[in-house]
């Protein structure tokens, strides 16, 4: 059994075993495109960024993304690193 550490402010898993989640979201929308989400829209202030239209009510799978082993875009702002804390 592995224990996960969750950041309660963001509802994001930040540590699983020896893996620690580093980085932050770049709002590129690529993770949403991987799962063909239709709730993604281009940000009105910056056409290179995206916004989730259901962010406050998004499914738990989206809120917890990425988890170790999830497919991540090559230039994703998140990175799982092995480290001891």
C-alpha atoms as a PDB file:
ATOM      1  CA  UNK A   1       0.000   0.000   0.000  1.00  0.00           C
ATOM      2  CA  UNK A   2       1.246   3.480  -0.875  1.00  0.00           C
ATOM      3  CA  UNK A   3       0.333   6.633   0.994  1.00  0.00           C
ATOM      4  CA  UNK A   4      -0.392   9.797  -1.007  1.00  0.00           C
ATOM      5  CA  UNK A   5       0.043  13.336   0.290  1.00  0.00           C
ATOM      6  CA  UNK A   6      -2.665  15.717  -0.964  1.00  0.00           C
ATOM      7  CA  UNK A   7      -2.505  19.529  -1.080  1.00  0.00           C
ATOM      8  CA  UNK A   8      -5.915  20.495   0.317  1.00  0.00           C
ATOM      9  CA  UNK A   9      -5.835  23.967  -1.266  1.00  0.00           C
ATOM     10  CA  UNK A  10      -5.547  22.582  -4.784  1.00  0.00           C
ATOM     11  CA  UNK A  11      -6.942  19.058  -4.212  1.00  0.00           C
ATOM     12  CA  UNK A  12      -3.834  17.770  -5.986  1.00  0.00           C
ATOM     13  CA  UNK A  13      -1.754  14.727  -5.092  1.00  0.00           C
ATOM     14  CA  UNK A  14       1.756  16.047  -4.468  1.00  0.00           C
ATOM     15  CA  UNK A  15       3.598  12.996  -3.126  1.00  0.00           C
ATOM     16  CA  UNK A  16       3.234   9.269  -3.764  1.00  0.00           C
ATOM     17  CA  UNK A  17       5.877   7.028  -2.228  1.00  0.00           C
ATOM     18  CA  UNK A  18       9.265   8.501  -3.214  1.00  0.00           C
ATOM     19  CA  UNK A  19       7.761  10.552  -6.068  1.00  0.00           C
ATOM     20  CA  UNK A  20       7.081  14.257  -5.540  1.00  0.00           C
ATOM     21  CA  UNK A  21       5.106  16.418  -7.979  1.00  0.00           C
ATOM     22  CA  UNK A  22       7.071  19.480  -9.048  1.00  0.00           C
ATOM     23  CA  UNK A  23       6.088  22.442 -11.233  1.00  0.00           C
ATOM     24  CA  UNK A  24       2.765  24.004 -12.110  1.00  0.00           C
ATOM     25  CA  UNK A  25       0.134  24.121 -14.820  1.00  0.00           C
ATOM     26  CA  UNK A  26       1.012  26.123 -17.937  1.00  0.00           C
ATOM     27  CA  UNK A  27      -2.665  26.209 -19.012  1.00  0.00           C
ATOM     28  CA  UNK A  28      -1.715  24.838 -22.424  1.00  0.00           C
ATOM     29  CA  UNK A  29      -4.765  22.537 -22.467  1.00  0.00           C
ATOM     30  CA  UNK A  30      -2.806  19.558 -23.756  1.00  0.00           C
ATOM     31  CA  UNK A  31      -3.766  17.297 -20.846  1.00  0.00           C
ATOM     32  CA  UNK A  32      -7.460  17.981 -21.507  1.00  0.00           C
ATOM     33  CA  UNK A  33      -6.946  17.280 -25.198  1.00  0.00           C
ATOM     34  CA  UNK A  34      -5.423  13.876 -24.321  1.00  0.00           C
ATOM     35  CA  UNK A  35      -8.791  12.806 -22.891  1.00  0.00           C
ATOM     36  CA  UNK A  36     -10.812  14.678 -25.559  1.00  0.00           C
ATOM     37  CA  UNK A  37     -12.471  16.982 -23.028  1.00  0.00           C
ATOM     38  CA  UNK A  38     -15.058  19.303 -24.569  1.00  0.00           C
ATOM     39  CA  UNK A  39     -15.072  21.706 -21.588  1.00  0.00           C
ATOM     40  CA  UNK A  40     -11.898  23.495 -22.677  1.00  0.00           C
ATOM     41  CA  UNK A  41     -12.005  26.971 -24.220  1.00  0.00           C
ATOM     42  CA  UNK A  42      -9.386  29.432 -25.417  1.00  0.00           C
ATOM     43  CA  UNK A  43      -8.626  32.079 -22.798  1.00  0.00           C
ATOM     44  CA  UNK A  44     -10.071  35.438 -23.877  1.00  0.00           C
ATOM     45  CA  UNK A  45      -7.021  37.330 -22.592  1.00  0.00           C
ATOM     46  CA  UNK A  46      -4.370  35.065 -24.120  1.00  0.00           C
ATOM     47  CA  UNK A  47      -5.058  32.862 -27.170  1.00  0.00           C
ATOM     48  CA  UNK A  48      -2.147  30.575 -26.227  1.00  0.00           C
ATOM     49  CA  UNK A  49      -3.770  29.615 -22.911  1.00  0.00           C
ATOM     50  CA  UNK A  50      -6.895  27.629 -22.159  1.00  0.00           C
ATOM     51  CA  UNK A  51      -9.580  27.746 -19.491  1.00  0.00           C
ATOM     52  CA  UNK A  52     -11.749  24.927 -18.142  1.00  0.00           C
ATOM     53  CA  UNK A  53     -15.407  25.937 -18.311  1.00  0.00           C
ATOM     54  CA  UNK A  54     -16.293  23.607 -15.408  1.00  0.00           C
ATOM     55  CA  UNK A  55     -13.145  24.114 -13.288  1.00  0.00           C
ATOM     56  CA  UNK A  56     -14.962  24.498  -9.934  1.00  0.00           C
ATOM     57  CA  UNK A  57     -17.108  21.419 -10.639  1.00  0.00           C
ATOM     58  CA  UNK A  58     -14.578  19.388 -12.637  1.00  0.00           C
ATOM     59  CA  UNK A  59     -14.472  15.604 -12.210  1.00  0.00           C
ATOM     60  CA  UNK A  60     -12.157  14.262  -9.497  1.00  0.00           C
ATOM     61  CA  UNK A  61      -9.970  12.631 -12.173  1.00  0.00           C
ATOM     62  CA  UNK A  62      -9.245  16.086 -13.602  1.00  0.00           C
ATOM     63  CA  UNK A  63      -8.683  17.653 -10.177  1.00  0.00           C
ATOM     64  CA  UNK A  64      -6.120  14.993  -9.268  1.00  0.00           C
ATOM     65  CA  UNK A  65      -4.259  15.027 -12.602  1.00  0.00           C
ATOM     66  CA  UNK A  66      -1.415  14.262 -13.072  1.00  0.00           C
ATOM     67  CA  UNK A  67      -0.842  11.096 -11.127  1.00  0.00           C
ATOM     68  CA  UNK A  68       2.269   8.961 -11.557  1.00  0.00           C
ATOM     69  CA  UNK A  69       1.941   7.044 -14.815  1.00  0.00           C
ATOM     70  CA  UNK A  70      -0.547   9.449 -16.422  1.00  0.00           C
ATOM     71  CA  UNK A  71       0.315  10.344 -20.004  1.00  0.00           C
ATOM     72  CA  UNK A  72       1.806  13.828 -19.930  1.00  0.00           C
ATOM     73  CA  UNK A  73       2.508  16.152 -22.859  1.00  0.00           C
ATOM     74  CA  UNK A  74       6.209  16.523 -23.609  1.00  0.00           C
ATOM     75  CA  UNK A  75       6.359  20.140 -22.423  1.00  0.00           C
ATOM     76  CA  UNK A  76       3.997  19.806 -19.448  1.00  0.00           C
ATOM     77  CA  UNK A  77       4.690  22.126 -16.500  1.00  0.00           C
ATOM     78  CA  UNK A  78       4.350  19.218 -14.060  1.00  0.00           C
ATOM     79  CA  UNK A  79       7.067  16.658 -13.426  1.00  0.00           C
ATOM     80  CA  UNK A  80       7.177  13.680 -11.041  1.00  0.00           C
ATOM     81  CA  UNK A  81      10.630  13.421  -9.451  1.00  0.00           C
ATOM     82  CA  UNK A  82      12.007  10.779  -7.120  1.00  0.00           C
ATOM     83  CA  UNK A  83      13.180  12.445  -3.932  1.00  0.00           C
ATOM     84  CA  UNK A  84      13.256  11.897  -0.208  1.00  0.00           C
ATOM     85  CA  UNK A  85      11.737  14.572   1.989  1.00  0.00           C
END
